[in-house]
Protein backbone atom coordinates (compact mmCIF):
# COMPACT_ATOMS: atom_id res chain seq x y z
CA MET A 1 -47.03 -44.07 96.75
CA LYS A 2 -49.52 -41.63 95.17
CA ASN A 3 -51.17 -40.83 98.52
CA PHE A 4 -48.05 -41.23 100.64
CA ASP A 5 -48.74 -40.55 104.33
CA ILE A 6 -45.62 -39.34 106.16
CA LYS A 7 -47.30 -39.74 109.54
CA ASN A 8 -48.16 -43.41 109.09
CA PHE A 9 -44.80 -44.11 107.45
CA MET A 10 -42.84 -42.73 110.40
CA ASN A 11 -45.15 -44.34 112.96
CA ASN A 12 -44.67 -47.73 111.30
CA ASN A 13 -40.97 -47.56 110.47
CA PHE A 14 -39.17 -45.22 112.87
CA ARG A 15 -38.76 -47.72 115.72
CA HIS A 16 -35.14 -47.64 116.81
CA PHE A 17 -31.99 -45.56 117.16
CA ASN A 18 -32.04 -42.05 115.64
CA ALA A 19 -35.25 -42.86 113.79
CA ARG A 20 -37.04 -43.55 117.08
CA VAL A 21 -35.71 -40.37 118.69
CA THR A 22 -36.86 -38.40 115.62
CA LEU A 23 -40.37 -39.80 115.96
CA GLU A 24 -40.61 -39.35 119.74
CA ALA A 25 -39.30 -35.78 119.53
CA SER A 26 -41.89 -35.00 116.85
CA LYS A 27 -44.71 -36.44 118.94
CA GLU A 28 -43.63 -34.46 121.98
CA TYR A 29 -43.41 -31.25 119.90
CA ILE A 30 -47.08 -31.80 118.94
CA LYS A 31 -47.97 -32.46 122.59
CA GLN A 32 -46.31 -29.21 123.65
CA LEU A 33 -48.43 -27.27 121.17
CA LYS A 34 -51.60 -29.06 122.27
CA ASN A 35 -50.82 -28.01 125.85
CA GLY A 36 -50.75 -24.39 124.71
CA ASN A 37 -46.98 -23.98 124.91
CA TYR A 38 -44.94 -21.89 122.50
CA MET A 39 -41.89 -23.06 120.57
CA LEU A 40 -38.67 -21.23 119.77
CA VAL A 41 -36.68 -22.63 116.84
CA SER A 42 -32.97 -21.93 116.36
CA LEU A 43 -31.30 -22.22 112.95
CA ALA A 44 -27.59 -22.79 112.46
CA GLY A 45 -25.50 -23.66 109.43
CA ALA A 46 -26.81 -22.74 106.00
CA LEU A 47 -30.31 -24.12 106.38
CA SER A 48 -31.92 -21.27 104.46
CA THR A 49 -29.79 -22.04 101.42
CA ALA A 50 -30.77 -25.68 101.97
CA GLU A 51 -34.33 -24.35 101.47
CA ILE A 52 -35.62 -25.14 104.95
CA GLY A 53 -38.21 -22.46 104.21
CA ILE A 54 -40.29 -24.95 102.23
CA THR A 55 -41.42 -26.60 105.46
CA LEU A 56 -40.51 -23.98 108.08
CA SER A 57 -42.66 -21.32 106.41
CA GLU A 58 -45.71 -23.56 106.74
CA MET A 59 -44.83 -24.36 110.35
CA ILE A 60 -44.85 -20.63 111.05
CA ARG A 61 -48.08 -19.97 109.14
CA GLN A 62 -49.85 -22.74 111.03
CA GLY A 63 -48.79 -21.30 114.39
CA LYS A 64 -46.37 -24.11 115.26
CA VAL A 65 -43.36 -21.77 115.67
CA HIS A 66 -43.48 -18.62 117.78
CA ALA A 67 -39.95 -17.20 117.71
CA ILE A 68 -36.72 -17.75 115.78
CA SER A 69 -33.09 -17.46 116.79
CA CYS A 70 -30.79 -17.69 113.80
CA THR A 71 -27.45 -16.73 112.39
CA GLY A 72 -27.16 -13.65 110.21
CA ALA A 73 -26.43 -15.98 107.30
CA ASN A 74 -29.75 -17.82 107.67
CA LEU A 75 -31.66 -14.55 107.96
CA GLU A 76 -30.25 -13.05 104.77
CA GLU A 77 -29.93 -16.27 102.79
CA ASP A 78 -33.66 -16.85 102.96
CA ILE A 79 -34.11 -13.51 101.17
CA TYR A 80 -31.29 -14.26 98.72
CA ASN A 81 -33.07 -17.52 97.91
CA LEU A 82 -36.34 -15.66 97.46
CA MET A 83 -34.83 -13.07 95.14
CA GLY A 84 -32.48 -15.14 93.03
CA ASN A 85 -32.97 -18.88 93.40
CA GLU A 86 -33.39 -19.29 89.64
CA SER A 87 -29.89 -17.96 89.09
CA TYR A 88 -28.27 -20.24 91.69
CA GLU A 89 -25.89 -22.80 90.26
CA ASN A 90 -25.96 -26.34 91.62
CA ILE A 91 -22.68 -28.26 91.78
CA ASP A 92 -23.40 -31.97 91.45
CA ASP A 93 -19.79 -33.11 91.89
CA TRP A 94 -18.84 -30.65 94.62
CA ARG A 95 -16.75 -33.23 96.48
CA ASP A 96 -14.49 -33.51 93.44
CA LEU A 97 -13.82 -29.80 93.01
CA THR A 98 -10.21 -28.68 93.00
CA SER A 99 -8.95 -25.36 94.29
CA ILE A 100 -8.69 -24.28 90.65
CA ASP A 101 -12.38 -25.12 90.15
CA ASP A 102 -13.28 -22.99 93.16
CA LYS A 103 -11.10 -20.17 91.84
CA GLU A 104 -13.06 -20.27 88.60
CA LEU A 105 -16.31 -19.99 90.55
CA CYS A 106 -14.85 -17.01 92.39
CA LEU A 107 -13.93 -15.30 89.11
CA ARG A 108 -17.49 -15.87 87.92
CA LYS A 109 -18.67 -14.21 91.16
CA LEU A 110 -20.38 -17.35 92.42
CA ASN A 111 -20.22 -17.88 96.20
CA ARG A 112 -20.33 -21.61 96.95
CA VAL A 113 -22.22 -23.12 99.89
CA THR A 114 -21.35 -26.82 99.65
CA ASP A 115 -23.30 -27.89 96.55
CA VAL A 116 -24.92 -24.61 95.48
CA CYS A 117 -23.55 -21.22 94.46
CA ILE A 118 -25.16 -17.87 95.32
CA PRO A 119 -24.43 -15.25 92.64
CA GLU A 120 -22.84 -12.11 94.02
CA GLN A 121 -25.35 -10.11 91.99
CA VAL A 122 -28.19 -11.35 94.20
CA MET A 123 -26.38 -10.12 97.30
CA SER A 124 -25.76 -6.75 95.67
CA GLU A 125 -29.44 -6.40 94.79
CA LEU A 126 -30.47 -6.96 98.39
CA ARG A 127 -27.81 -4.50 99.58
CA ASN A 128 -29.14 -1.82 97.22
CA ILE A 129 -32.64 -2.22 98.65
CA ILE A 130 -31.80 -2.44 102.35
CA ASN A 131 -29.20 0.32 102.15
CA ASN A 132 -32.02 2.83 101.60
CA HIS A 133 -33.60 1.74 104.89
CA TRP A 134 -30.25 1.94 106.69
CA ILE A 135 -29.70 5.48 105.39
CA GLU A 136 -33.19 6.48 106.52
CA SER A 137 -32.55 5.08 110.01
CA ASP A 138 -29.21 6.86 110.13
CA ARG A 139 -30.89 10.15 109.26
CA LYS A 140 -33.71 9.68 111.79
CA ASN A 141 -31.50 8.08 114.47
CA ILE A 142 -33.61 4.90 114.54
CA ARG A 143 -32.36 1.56 115.84
CA LEU A 144 -33.86 -1.73 114.68
CA SER A 145 -33.00 -5.41 114.91
CA PRO A 146 -31.69 -7.06 111.74
CA TYR A 147 -35.00 -8.80 111.05
CA GLU A 148 -37.00 -5.59 111.41
CA TYR A 149 -35.25 -4.12 108.38
CA LEU A 150 -36.27 -7.15 106.34
CA TYR A 151 -39.84 -6.87 107.65
CA LYS A 152 -39.91 -3.24 106.52
CA MET A 153 -38.77 -4.26 103.04
CA ILE A 154 -41.46 -6.93 102.82
CA ARG A 155 -44.28 -4.76 104.18
CA GLN A 156 -43.40 -1.73 102.08
CA GLY A 157 -43.43 -3.77 98.88
CA ASP A 158 -39.71 -3.73 98.12
CA LEU A 159 -39.86 -7.45 97.33
CA ASP A 160 -43.23 -7.54 95.59
CA ALA A 161 -41.54 -8.60 92.35
CA TYR A 162 -40.91 -11.93 94.05
CA SER A 163 -44.32 -12.28 95.73
CA HIS A 164 -45.11 -15.36 93.62
CA LYS A 165 -42.38 -17.15 95.61
CA TYR A 166 -43.39 -15.90 99.07
CA LYS A 167 -44.84 -19.30 99.97
CA ASN A 168 -41.42 -20.87 100.55
CA SER A 169 -39.80 -17.95 102.40
CA TRP A 170 -39.73 -18.47 106.15
CA VAL A 171 -38.81 -14.81 106.72
CA VAL A 172 -41.90 -13.69 104.78
CA ALA A 173 -44.02 -16.11 106.82
CA ALA A 174 -42.47 -14.74 110.02
CA ALA A 175 -43.25 -11.18 108.87
CA GLU A 176 -46.88 -12.16 108.25
CA LYS A 177 -47.10 -13.50 111.82
CA ASN A 178 -44.90 -10.71 113.23
CA LEU A 179 -42.61 -13.25 114.89
CA PRO A 180 -39.55 -11.97 116.76
CA ILE A 181 -36.26 -13.10 115.20
CA PHE A 182 -33.13 -12.92 117.33
CA THR A 183 -29.85 -12.79 115.40
CA PRO A 184 -26.76 -12.93 117.63
CA GLY A 185 -23.45 -12.21 115.94
CA TRP A 186 -25.20 -10.55 112.99
CA GLU A 187 -21.97 -8.81 112.02
CA ASP A 188 -20.78 -12.24 110.87
CA SER A 189 -22.95 -12.00 107.75
CA THR A 190 -22.72 -10.51 104.29
CA LEU A 191 -25.20 -7.75 105.16
CA GLY A 192 -23.24 -7.02 108.34
CA ASN A 193 -20.09 -6.63 106.26
CA MET A 194 -21.96 -4.37 103.85
CA LEU A 195 -23.19 -2.12 106.65
CA VAL A 196 -19.67 -1.68 108.00
CA ALA A 197 -18.45 -0.90 104.48
CA SER A 198 -21.16 1.76 104.12
CA HIS A 199 -20.03 3.26 107.42
CA VAL A 200 -16.33 3.27 106.56
CA SER A 201 -17.05 4.80 103.15
CA GLY A 202 -19.05 7.57 104.81
CA LYS A 203 -22.52 6.68 103.52
CA ILE A 204 -23.78 5.85 107.02
CA LYS A 205 -22.58 7.65 110.12
CA ASN A 206 -23.94 5.51 112.92
CA LEU A 207 -23.33 1.75 113.08
CA ASN A 208 -25.81 1.46 115.95
CA ILE A 209 -28.77 1.68 113.58
CA VAL A 210 -28.71 -2.13 113.84
CA LYS A 211 -29.21 -3.50 117.34
CA SER A 212 -26.33 -5.49 118.77
CA GLY A 213 -26.55 -8.98 120.20
CA LEU A 214 -26.70 -7.48 123.69
CA ASP A 215 -29.68 -5.34 122.69
CA GLN A 216 -31.35 -8.40 121.25
CA MET A 217 -30.75 -10.38 124.42
CA LYS A 218 -32.62 -7.65 126.29
CA ASP A 219 -35.47 -8.02 123.78
CA LEU A 220 -35.41 -11.79 124.27
CA ILE A 221 -35.67 -11.33 128.05
CA GLU A 222 -38.75 -9.17 127.55
CA TRP A 223 -40.32 -11.62 125.10
CA TYR A 224 -39.68 -14.72 127.23
CA SER A 225 -40.84 -13.04 130.44
CA LYS A 226 -44.05 -11.86 128.79
CA VAL A 227 -45.09 -15.09 127.05
CA THR A 228 -44.32 -17.29 130.08
CA THR A 229 -46.78 -15.46 132.29
CA ASN A 230 -49.46 -17.88 131.09
CA ARG A 231 -47.62 -20.63 129.18
CA LYS A 232 -44.29 -22.39 128.81
CA VAL A 233 -41.86 -22.34 125.89
CA GLY A 234 -40.05 -25.22 124.24
CA PHE A 235 -36.70 -25.08 122.46
CA PHE A 236 -36.11 -26.75 119.10
CA GLN A 237 -32.47 -26.44 118.09
CA ILE A 238 -31.41 -27.22 114.53
CA GLY A 239 -27.64 -27.56 114.48
CA GLY A 240 -25.38 -25.95 117.05
CA GLY A 241 -23.53 -22.68 117.25
CA ILE A 242 -24.41 -19.21 118.45
CA SER A 243 -28.04 -19.22 117.38
CA GLY A 244 -28.82 -21.96 119.87
CA ASP A 245 -26.35 -21.04 122.61
CA PHE A 246 -27.52 -17.41 122.64
CA ALA A 247 -31.23 -18.03 122.92
CA ILE A 248 -31.23 -20.89 125.41
CA CYS A 249 -29.22 -18.80 127.90
CA VAL A 250 -32.09 -16.36 128.45
CA VAL A 251 -33.59 -18.64 131.12
CA PRO A 252 -30.58 -18.84 133.48
CA LEU A 253 -29.98 -15.13 132.82
CA ILE A 254 -33.43 -14.24 134.12
CA ARG A 255 -33.37 -16.72 136.99
CA GLN A 256 -29.76 -16.34 138.18
CA ASP A 257 -28.71 -12.83 137.15
CA LEU A 258 -32.01 -10.96 137.41
CA LEU A 259 -33.23 -13.20 140.26
CA LYS A 260 -36.69 -13.39 138.76
CA THR A 261 -38.90 -16.46 138.49
CA VAL A 262 -39.64 -17.83 135.05
CA PRO A 263 -40.21 -21.43 133.98
CA LEU A 264 -37.39 -23.46 132.51
CA TRP A 265 -37.66 -24.48 128.87
CA SER A 266 -40.52 -27.00 128.72
CA TYR A 267 -39.05 -29.09 125.88
CA PHE A 268 -35.67 -29.49 124.28
CA CYS A 269 -34.69 -31.12 121.02
CA GLN A 270 -31.47 -30.73 119.10
CA ILE A 271 -30.55 -32.11 115.70
CA SER A 272 -26.78 -32.29 115.53
CA ASP A 273 -23.97 -34.41 114.14
CA SER A 274 -21.40 -32.78 116.41
CA THR A 275 -19.48 -35.11 118.74
CA THR A 276 -19.33 -34.73 122.51
CA SER A 277 -15.63 -34.11 122.83
CA TYR A 278 -13.24 -31.30 123.77
CA GLY A 279 -16.06 -29.59 125.63
CA SER A 280 -18.17 -29.20 122.48
CA TYR A 281 -21.36 -27.44 123.52
CA SER A 282 -22.98 -28.19 120.16
CA GLY A 283 -22.50 -31.88 120.83
CA ALA A 284 -23.40 -31.82 124.53
CA PHE A 285 -26.13 -34.18 125.66
CA PRO A 286 -29.32 -32.41 126.86
CA SER A 287 -28.71 -33.52 130.45
CA GLU A 288 -25.68 -31.21 130.63
CA LYS A 289 -28.10 -28.27 130.29
CA ILE A 290 -29.74 -29.25 133.58
CA THR A 291 -26.59 -28.11 135.40
CA TRP A 292 -26.90 -24.67 133.78
CA GLU A 293 -30.55 -24.31 134.85
CA LYS A 294 -31.86 -24.27 131.29
CA ILE A 295 -33.99 -27.40 131.46
CA ASP A 296 -35.07 -29.66 134.33
CA SER A 297 -34.51 -33.33 135.07
CA ASP A 298 -38.05 -34.14 133.88
CA THR A 299 -38.00 -31.92 130.78
CA PRO A 300 -38.77 -33.95 127.63
CA SER A 301 -35.36 -33.88 125.93
CA PHE A 302 -34.08 -35.35 122.70
CA LEU A 303 -30.84 -35.43 120.73
CA VAL A 304 -31.10 -36.60 117.14
CA GLU A 305 -27.56 -37.35 116.02
CA SER A 306 -28.04 -36.89 112.32
CA ASP A 307 -28.00 -34.47 109.39
CA ALA A 308 -30.22 -31.47 110.14
CA SER A 309 -30.91 -30.84 106.45
CA VAL A 310 -32.60 -34.26 106.34
CA ILE A 311 -34.17 -34.55 109.80
CA ALA A 312 -35.62 -31.04 110.27
CA PRO A 313 -37.86 -31.11 107.15
CA LEU A 314 -38.90 -34.66 108.05
CA MET A 315 -39.93 -33.66 111.57
CA PHE A 316 -41.71 -30.56 110.31
CA ALA A 317 -43.63 -32.67 107.79
CA TYR A 318 -44.70 -35.05 110.56
CA ILE A 319 -45.78 -32.20 112.84
CA LEU A 320 -47.67 -30.51 110.00
CA SER A 321 -49.49 -33.78 109.26
CA HIS A 322 -51.32 -33.42 112.58
């Protein structure tokens, strides 16, 4: 196994069921890129804390991802991981924890995400850095998207102490490529909470220094309209939730509400273990999106019903092998 080849392994073994869908979706992703199409990736859950940056950062650097839509948690947790991963505490027996065990973690100021704890100190360190940029924007009446504040930190050297770990940060890779990152519902994040606290305590006067989800939808309209003048864009959705729902809606918005002509998404793949029940959009089959004018009946579409923390790195590794 010294010279293990992920491409040949998947080609030879991934023949049926979810394995086959994983392989076919990966092959089509590569085909989309070869045809000159762009790809938007959406990130749900806590994929940054699951260290998706190890493979996603390389996908970005190699030009295989062109935009990101993610939760506020994924945006900030990539930077938390960059700054303080060595101080994270892994919980091997997390399924056996009692409420008393979790209370002890709380008293130690360790915030648990399934099997790993993020120290509160790491969050405070990021707040101390970004707060200076928020205060500057408040003073100058500047409005930026959540990711643009992180890009400023990276480009101005605020995180240079961690530059030896930049390789595995997908946000750093995105900053290097100047990728747009859309973050709907950003207020549902630790940094969002911190900004509101700074406002209530009087340190920051204007909450609008961070663009809202509506502002970011306008930016997404402009981005999608511009890039689809000479190419199409595919949609790769990891998990469900707002990060995917928000971004994919830009197409029917432009076509139905603005009455302008843009191509539908040229590719769709979702990795999800959500069930199709009770109207679950996260678990909806791709064909349902045809009725909402997001994709077409002949759009290459895939649903991998599996664990995103396993499948996404596997697919990225296959795509990178080409």
